[in-house]
N, C-alpha and C. Protein backbone atom coordinates (compact mmCIF):
# COMPACT_ATOMS: atom_id res chain seq x y z
N MET A 1 -10.44 -29.21 3.65
CA MET A 1 -9.20 -28.93 2.99
C MET A 1 -9.43 -28.08 1.75
N LYS A 2 -8.69 -27.00 1.65
CA LYS A 2 -8.85 -26.10 0.52
C LYS A 2 -8.00 -26.52 -0.63
N ASP A 3 -8.53 -26.36 -1.86
CA ASP A 3 -7.75 -26.75 -3.01
C ASP A 3 -6.92 -25.60 -3.55
N ASN A 4 -6.03 -25.91 -4.47
CA ASN A 4 -5.14 -24.90 -5.01
C ASN A 4 -5.88 -23.88 -5.85
N SER A 5 -7.02 -24.26 -6.44
CA SER A 5 -7.74 -23.33 -7.32
C SER A 5 -8.26 -22.12 -6.54
N SER A 6 -8.71 -22.29 -5.30
CA SER A 6 -9.14 -21.14 -4.53
C SER A 6 -7.98 -20.27 -4.08
N LYS A 7 -6.83 -20.92 -3.85
CA LYS A 7 -5.61 -20.17 -3.50
C LYS A 7 -5.15 -19.34 -4.70
N ASP A 8 -5.20 -19.98 -5.90
CA ASP A 8 -4.85 -19.28 -7.13
C ASP A 8 -5.79 -18.09 -7.42
N LEU A 9 -7.07 -18.33 -7.20
CA LEU A 9 -8.03 -17.25 -7.43
C LEU A 9 -7.83 -16.06 -6.47
N ARG A 10 -7.49 -16.35 -5.23
CA ARG A 10 -7.17 -15.28 -4.27
C ARG A 10 -5.94 -14.50 -4.72
N TYR A 11 -4.95 -15.23 -5.21
CA TYR A 11 -3.73 -14.58 -5.72
C TYR A 11 -4.06 -13.68 -6.91
N ILE A 12 -4.82 -14.19 -7.86
CA ILE A 12 -5.17 -13.42 -9.05
C ILE A 12 -6.04 -12.19 -8.66
N ASN A 13 -6.97 -12.41 -7.77
CA ASN A 13 -7.83 -11.31 -7.29
C ASN A 13 -6.98 -10.19 -6.70
N LEU A 14 -6.07 -10.56 -5.81
CA LEU A 14 -5.19 -9.58 -5.19
C LEU A 14 -4.28 -8.91 -6.26
N LEU A 15 -3.73 -9.68 -7.12
CA LEU A 15 -2.86 -9.16 -8.17
C LEU A 15 -3.60 -8.14 -9.05
N ILE A 16 -4.77 -8.47 -9.50
CA ILE A 16 -5.51 -7.55 -10.37
C ILE A 16 -5.89 -6.27 -9.61
N HIS A 17 -6.35 -6.38 -8.37
CA HIS A 17 -6.72 -5.19 -7.60
C HIS A 17 -5.51 -4.32 -7.32
N VAL A 18 -4.38 -4.93 -7.01
CA VAL A 18 -3.16 -4.16 -6.73
C VAL A 18 -2.72 -3.43 -8.00
N PHE A 19 -2.73 -4.10 -9.14
CA PHE A 19 -2.38 -3.43 -10.40
C PHE A 19 -3.34 -2.36 -10.77
N ALA A 20 -4.65 -2.58 -10.55
CA ALA A 20 -5.60 -1.52 -10.86
C ALA A 20 -5.37 -0.29 -9.99
N SER A 21 -5.03 -0.56 -8.73
CA SER A 21 -4.72 0.56 -7.80
C SER A 21 -3.41 1.27 -8.25
N LEU A 22 -2.43 0.50 -8.61
CA LEU A 22 -1.16 1.11 -9.08
C LEU A 22 -1.40 1.94 -10.35
N HIS A 23 -2.21 1.39 -11.27
CA HIS A 23 -2.56 2.15 -12.48
C HIS A 23 -3.22 3.48 -12.11
N ALA A 24 -4.20 3.41 -11.23
CA ALA A 24 -4.95 4.63 -10.83
C ALA A 24 -4.02 5.62 -10.15
N LEU A 25 -3.15 5.17 -9.23
CA LEU A 25 -2.24 6.06 -8.55
C LEU A 25 -1.23 6.67 -9.53
N SER A 26 -0.72 5.86 -10.45
CA SER A 26 0.22 6.37 -11.43
C SER A 26 -0.43 7.43 -12.34
N SER A 27 -1.68 7.13 -12.71
CA SER A 27 -2.40 8.08 -13.57
C SER A 27 -2.61 9.41 -12.83
N LEU A 28 -3.01 9.33 -11.56
CA LEU A 28 -3.21 10.50 -10.75
C LEU A 28 -1.95 11.34 -10.63
N LEU A 29 -0.87 10.67 -10.23
CA LEU A 29 0.39 11.40 -10.02
C LEU A 29 0.93 12.00 -11.31
N ALA A 30 0.86 11.24 -12.40
CA ALA A 30 1.35 11.75 -13.67
C ALA A 30 0.53 12.96 -14.13
N ASN A 31 -0.80 12.86 -13.98
CA ASN A 31 -1.66 13.99 -14.41
C ASN A 31 -1.46 15.21 -13.49
N LEU A 32 -1.26 15.00 -12.22
CA LEU A 32 -1.03 16.12 -11.31
C LEU A 32 0.27 16.84 -11.59
N MET A 33 1.27 16.04 -12.04
CA MET A 33 2.58 16.64 -12.35
C MET A 33 2.70 17.12 -13.79
N GLY A 34 1.60 16.95 -14.54
CA GLY A 34 1.61 17.41 -15.93
C GLY A 34 2.30 16.52 -16.92
N TYR A 35 2.49 15.25 -16.56
CA TYR A 35 3.16 14.30 -17.46
C TYR A 35 2.11 13.38 -18.13
N ASN A 36 2.50 12.80 -19.24
CA ASN A 36 1.68 11.75 -19.87
C ASN A 36 1.83 10.48 -19.07
N ASP A 37 0.73 9.77 -18.91
CA ASP A 37 0.76 8.52 -18.14
C ASP A 37 0.87 7.27 -19.01
N GLU A 38 0.96 7.44 -20.32
CA GLU A 38 0.92 6.27 -21.21
C GLU A 38 2.05 5.30 -20.98
N VAL A 39 3.27 5.79 -20.77
CA VAL A 39 4.44 4.89 -20.66
C VAL A 39 4.35 4.03 -19.39
N ILE A 40 4.05 4.64 -18.27
CA ILE A 40 3.96 3.88 -17.03
C ILE A 40 2.77 2.94 -17.04
N LEU A 41 1.64 3.38 -17.59
CA LEU A 41 0.49 2.50 -17.66
C LEU A 41 0.74 1.31 -18.60
N THR A 42 1.45 1.54 -19.67
CA THR A 42 1.79 0.44 -20.60
C THR A 42 2.66 -0.57 -19.89
N ALA A 43 3.68 -0.09 -19.20
CA ALA A 43 4.60 -0.98 -18.45
C ALA A 43 3.84 -1.77 -17.39
N LEU A 44 2.96 -1.12 -16.67
CA LEU A 44 2.18 -1.81 -15.64
C LEU A 44 1.24 -2.83 -16.25
N THR A 45 0.62 -2.49 -17.35
CA THR A 45 -0.31 -3.44 -18.03
C THR A 45 0.44 -4.67 -18.48
N ILE A 46 1.58 -4.48 -19.15
CA ILE A 46 2.36 -5.64 -19.61
C ILE A 46 2.79 -6.49 -18.41
N SER A 47 3.20 -5.89 -17.34
CA SER A 47 3.65 -6.64 -16.15
C SER A 47 2.48 -7.46 -15.59
N MET A 48 1.30 -6.87 -15.51
CA MET A 48 0.14 -7.59 -15.01
C MET A 48 -0.22 -8.79 -15.87
N ILE A 49 -0.24 -8.58 -17.17
CA ILE A 49 -0.60 -9.64 -18.09
C ILE A 49 0.40 -10.80 -18.00
N VAL A 50 1.69 -10.46 -17.98
CA VAL A 50 2.72 -11.49 -17.90
C VAL A 50 2.64 -12.30 -16.61
N LEU A 51 2.41 -11.58 -15.50
CA LEU A 51 2.27 -12.28 -14.21
C LEU A 51 1.07 -13.22 -14.19
N ILE A 52 -0.05 -12.78 -14.71
CA ILE A 52 -1.25 -13.65 -14.76
C ILE A 52 -1.00 -14.86 -15.66
N ALA A 53 -0.46 -14.60 -16.85
CA ALA A 53 -0.27 -15.67 -17.84
C ALA A 53 0.79 -16.67 -17.38
N THR A 54 1.86 -16.22 -16.78
CA THR A 54 2.90 -17.14 -16.34
C THR A 54 2.44 -17.99 -15.14
N ARG A 55 1.51 -17.46 -14.38
CA ARG A 55 0.94 -18.22 -13.27
C ARG A 55 0.30 -19.51 -13.78
N TYR A 56 -0.25 -19.47 -14.97
CA TYR A 56 -0.95 -20.60 -15.53
C TYR A 56 -0.16 -21.24 -16.69
N SER A 57 1.13 -20.99 -16.77
CA SER A 57 2.01 -21.55 -17.77
C SER A 57 1.50 -21.35 -19.20
N PHE A 58 0.97 -20.18 -19.42
CA PHE A 58 0.48 -19.80 -20.77
C PHE A 58 1.71 -19.66 -21.67
N PRO A 59 1.59 -20.02 -22.96
CA PRO A 59 2.75 -19.93 -23.86
C PRO A 59 3.27 -18.49 -23.96
N LEU A 60 4.58 -18.33 -23.93
CA LEU A 60 5.19 -17.02 -23.92
C LEU A 60 4.86 -16.15 -25.14
N GLU A 61 4.86 -16.77 -26.33
CA GLU A 61 4.57 -16.00 -27.52
C GLU A 61 3.12 -15.44 -27.49
N VAL A 62 2.23 -16.27 -27.03
CA VAL A 62 0.83 -15.85 -26.97
C VAL A 62 0.65 -14.81 -25.84
N THR A 63 1.41 -14.96 -24.79
CA THR A 63 1.36 -14.00 -23.66
C THR A 63 1.72 -12.59 -24.15
N PHE A 64 2.82 -12.52 -24.94
CA PHE A 64 3.24 -11.18 -25.41
C PHE A 64 2.25 -10.63 -26.41
N ALA A 65 1.64 -11.45 -27.26
CA ALA A 65 0.58 -10.97 -28.14
C ALA A 65 -0.59 -10.49 -27.36
N LEU A 66 -0.95 -11.21 -26.30
CA LEU A 66 -2.07 -10.80 -25.43
C LEU A 66 -1.75 -9.49 -24.72
N ALA A 67 -0.51 -9.33 -24.30
CA ALA A 67 -0.11 -8.09 -23.63
C ALA A 67 -0.20 -6.90 -24.60
N LEU A 68 0.23 -7.12 -25.83
CA LEU A 68 0.17 -6.07 -26.82
C LEU A 68 -1.32 -5.66 -27.10
N LEU A 69 -2.13 -6.66 -27.31
CA LEU A 69 -3.55 -6.37 -27.53
C LEU A 69 -4.19 -5.65 -26.34
N ASN A 70 -3.83 -6.07 -25.13
CA ASN A 70 -4.35 -5.42 -23.94
C ASN A 70 -3.92 -3.99 -23.82
N CYS A 71 -2.69 -3.69 -24.21
CA CYS A 71 -2.20 -2.30 -24.18
C CYS A 71 -3.01 -1.43 -25.14
N PHE A 72 -3.22 -1.93 -26.36
CA PHE A 72 -4.03 -1.16 -27.35
C PHE A 72 -5.48 -1.02 -26.82
N ALA A 73 -6.04 -2.05 -26.31
CA ALA A 73 -7.43 -2.02 -25.78
C ALA A 73 -7.50 -1.05 -24.58
N GLY A 74 -6.51 -1.13 -23.70
CA GLY A 74 -6.51 -0.22 -22.55
C GLY A 74 -6.43 1.23 -22.95
N PHE A 75 -5.57 1.52 -23.93
CA PHE A 75 -5.43 2.88 -24.44
C PHE A 75 -6.76 3.38 -25.04
N TYR A 76 -7.30 2.57 -25.92
CA TYR A 76 -8.55 2.95 -26.59
C TYR A 76 -9.72 3.07 -25.60
N LEU A 77 -9.91 2.03 -24.81
CA LEU A 77 -11.05 2.06 -23.88
C LEU A 77 -10.87 3.12 -22.76
N GLY A 78 -9.63 3.31 -22.39
CA GLY A 78 -9.37 4.37 -21.38
C GLY A 78 -9.67 5.75 -21.88
N ASN A 79 -9.25 6.06 -23.08
CA ASN A 79 -9.59 7.38 -23.64
C ASN A 79 -11.08 7.54 -23.87
N LEU A 80 -11.70 6.51 -24.43
CA LEU A 80 -13.15 6.55 -24.66
C LEU A 80 -13.92 6.65 -23.36
N GLY A 81 -13.51 5.88 -22.37
CA GLY A 81 -14.20 5.87 -21.07
C GLY A 81 -14.07 7.20 -20.35
N ALA A 82 -12.87 7.76 -20.37
CA ALA A 82 -12.67 9.07 -19.69
C ALA A 82 -13.51 10.17 -20.39
N THR A 83 -13.56 10.13 -21.68
CA THR A 83 -14.37 11.11 -22.43
C THR A 83 -15.83 10.96 -22.08
N MET A 84 -16.32 9.70 -22.02
CA MET A 84 -17.72 9.47 -21.70
C MET A 84 -18.04 9.91 -20.26
N ILE A 85 -17.17 9.56 -19.33
CA ILE A 85 -17.42 9.99 -17.92
C ILE A 85 -17.39 11.48 -17.81
N ASN A 86 -16.47 12.13 -18.51
CA ASN A 86 -16.42 13.58 -18.50
C ASN A 86 -17.67 14.21 -19.04
N SER A 87 -18.18 13.68 -20.12
CA SER A 87 -19.38 14.29 -20.72
C SER A 87 -20.67 13.95 -20.00
N ILE A 88 -20.78 12.71 -19.46
CA ILE A 88 -22.04 12.31 -18.82
C ILE A 88 -22.11 12.81 -17.36
N VAL A 89 -21.06 12.51 -16.60
CA VAL A 89 -21.13 12.82 -15.16
C VAL A 89 -20.54 14.18 -14.88
N GLY A 90 -19.67 14.68 -15.75
CA GLY A 90 -19.07 16.00 -15.56
C GLY A 90 -17.96 16.01 -14.56
N LEU A 91 -17.30 14.85 -14.36
CA LEU A 91 -16.17 14.81 -13.45
C LEU A 91 -14.99 15.58 -14.01
N ASP A 92 -14.16 16.05 -13.17
CA ASP A 92 -12.91 16.72 -13.57
C ASP A 92 -12.10 15.75 -14.45
N GLY A 93 -11.32 16.26 -15.40
CA GLY A 93 -10.54 15.47 -16.32
C GLY A 93 -9.63 14.46 -15.62
N ILE A 94 -8.95 14.89 -14.58
CA ILE A 94 -7.99 14.00 -13.88
C ILE A 94 -8.76 12.89 -13.15
N LEU A 95 -9.83 13.24 -12.51
CA LEU A 95 -10.64 12.24 -11.78
C LEU A 95 -11.25 11.23 -12.73
N ALA A 96 -11.70 11.71 -13.88
CA ALA A 96 -12.27 10.80 -14.89
C ALA A 96 -11.17 9.85 -15.39
N ASN A 97 -9.97 10.32 -15.60
CA ASN A 97 -8.86 9.48 -16.07
C ASN A 97 -8.52 8.42 -15.02
N VAL A 98 -8.46 8.82 -13.77
CA VAL A 98 -8.10 7.89 -12.72
C VAL A 98 -9.18 6.77 -12.56
N LEU A 99 -10.42 7.18 -12.52
CA LEU A 99 -11.51 6.24 -12.41
C LEU A 99 -11.56 5.23 -13.58
N THR A 100 -11.43 5.80 -14.78
CA THR A 100 -11.45 4.95 -15.97
C THR A 100 -10.25 4.02 -15.99
N THR A 101 -9.09 4.50 -15.60
CA THR A 101 -7.90 3.66 -15.57
C THR A 101 -8.08 2.47 -14.62
N PHE A 102 -8.66 2.71 -13.47
CA PHE A 102 -8.92 1.65 -12.48
C PHE A 102 -9.84 0.58 -13.09
N VAL A 103 -10.96 1.06 -13.62
CA VAL A 103 -12.01 0.16 -14.13
C VAL A 103 -11.50 -0.65 -15.33
N ILE A 104 -10.82 0.00 -16.25
CA ILE A 104 -10.32 -0.67 -17.42
C ILE A 104 -9.24 -1.71 -17.05
N THR A 105 -8.38 -1.38 -16.07
CA THR A 105 -7.37 -2.34 -15.64
C THR A 105 -8.01 -3.56 -15.02
N GLU A 106 -9.05 -3.39 -14.19
CA GLU A 106 -9.77 -4.51 -13.60
C GLU A 106 -10.35 -5.35 -14.75
N PHE A 107 -10.99 -4.73 -15.71
CA PHE A 107 -11.59 -5.45 -16.83
C PHE A 107 -10.54 -6.25 -17.60
N LEU A 108 -9.45 -5.62 -17.96
CA LEU A 108 -8.41 -6.31 -18.72
C LEU A 108 -7.77 -7.45 -17.93
N GLY A 109 -7.57 -7.25 -16.63
CA GLY A 109 -7.02 -8.30 -15.82
C GLY A 109 -7.94 -9.52 -15.75
N TRP A 110 -9.23 -9.31 -15.55
CA TRP A 110 -10.14 -10.46 -15.46
C TRP A 110 -10.36 -11.11 -16.83
N ILE A 111 -10.36 -10.36 -17.89
CA ILE A 111 -10.43 -10.95 -19.24
C ILE A 111 -9.20 -11.81 -19.49
N THR A 112 -8.03 -11.32 -19.12
CA THR A 112 -6.83 -12.09 -19.28
C THR A 112 -6.90 -13.39 -18.48
N TYR A 113 -7.37 -13.30 -17.25
CA TYR A 113 -7.54 -14.48 -16.41
C TYR A 113 -8.42 -15.52 -17.12
N LEU A 114 -9.55 -15.04 -17.63
CA LEU A 114 -10.46 -15.97 -18.32
C LEU A 114 -9.85 -16.58 -19.55
N ILE A 115 -9.05 -15.83 -20.28
CA ILE A 115 -8.40 -16.35 -21.47
C ILE A 115 -7.38 -17.41 -21.12
N VAL A 116 -6.51 -17.12 -20.10
CA VAL A 116 -5.43 -18.08 -19.82
C VAL A 116 -5.90 -19.30 -19.04
N THR A 117 -7.08 -19.25 -18.46
CA THR A 117 -7.59 -20.40 -17.71
C THR A 117 -8.58 -21.26 -18.48
N THR A 118 -8.95 -20.81 -19.69
CA THR A 118 -9.87 -21.57 -20.50
C THR A 118 -9.14 -22.81 -21.05
N LYS A 119 -9.72 -23.97 -20.81
CA LYS A 119 -9.10 -25.20 -21.28
C LYS A 119 -9.42 -25.39 -22.75
N ARG A 120 -8.38 -25.71 -23.52
CA ARG A 120 -8.54 -25.97 -24.90
C ARG A 120 -8.78 -27.46 -25.13
N VAL A 121 -9.75 -27.79 -25.94
CA VAL A 121 -10.06 -29.22 -26.22
C VAL A 121 -9.19 -29.62 -27.43
N GLN A 122 -8.48 -30.72 -27.29
CA GLN A 122 -7.62 -31.23 -28.38
C GLN A 122 -8.53 -31.93 -29.39
N ALA A 123 -8.29 -31.66 -30.70
CA ALA A 123 -9.04 -32.28 -31.78
C ALA A 123 -8.56 -33.69 -32.03
């Protein structure tokens, strides 16, 4: 008999991978059309964080603070990562953005999962 924790983990795994793919696809399409991808990536990031946090009944106020922090981290790490990939590997700017967007979204999703599932010990 399988427990609910493995079912939850499969759900979170799928959710994070789908959002990382959506982030990458959105980044690709926006860059190909000459648009900034920040607005759509921010909306997708907030949606992913809220879905993960509400799955574990995380407090709403803290969820929104976590979403805000993740958006800032995603923007900073995404720009830094794309610049590093461009300079080290020499990938095209759009490809570097797409790859970095996917990796950073995976990272932020799993960090969020770890934060919302950590049990707090009552004093």
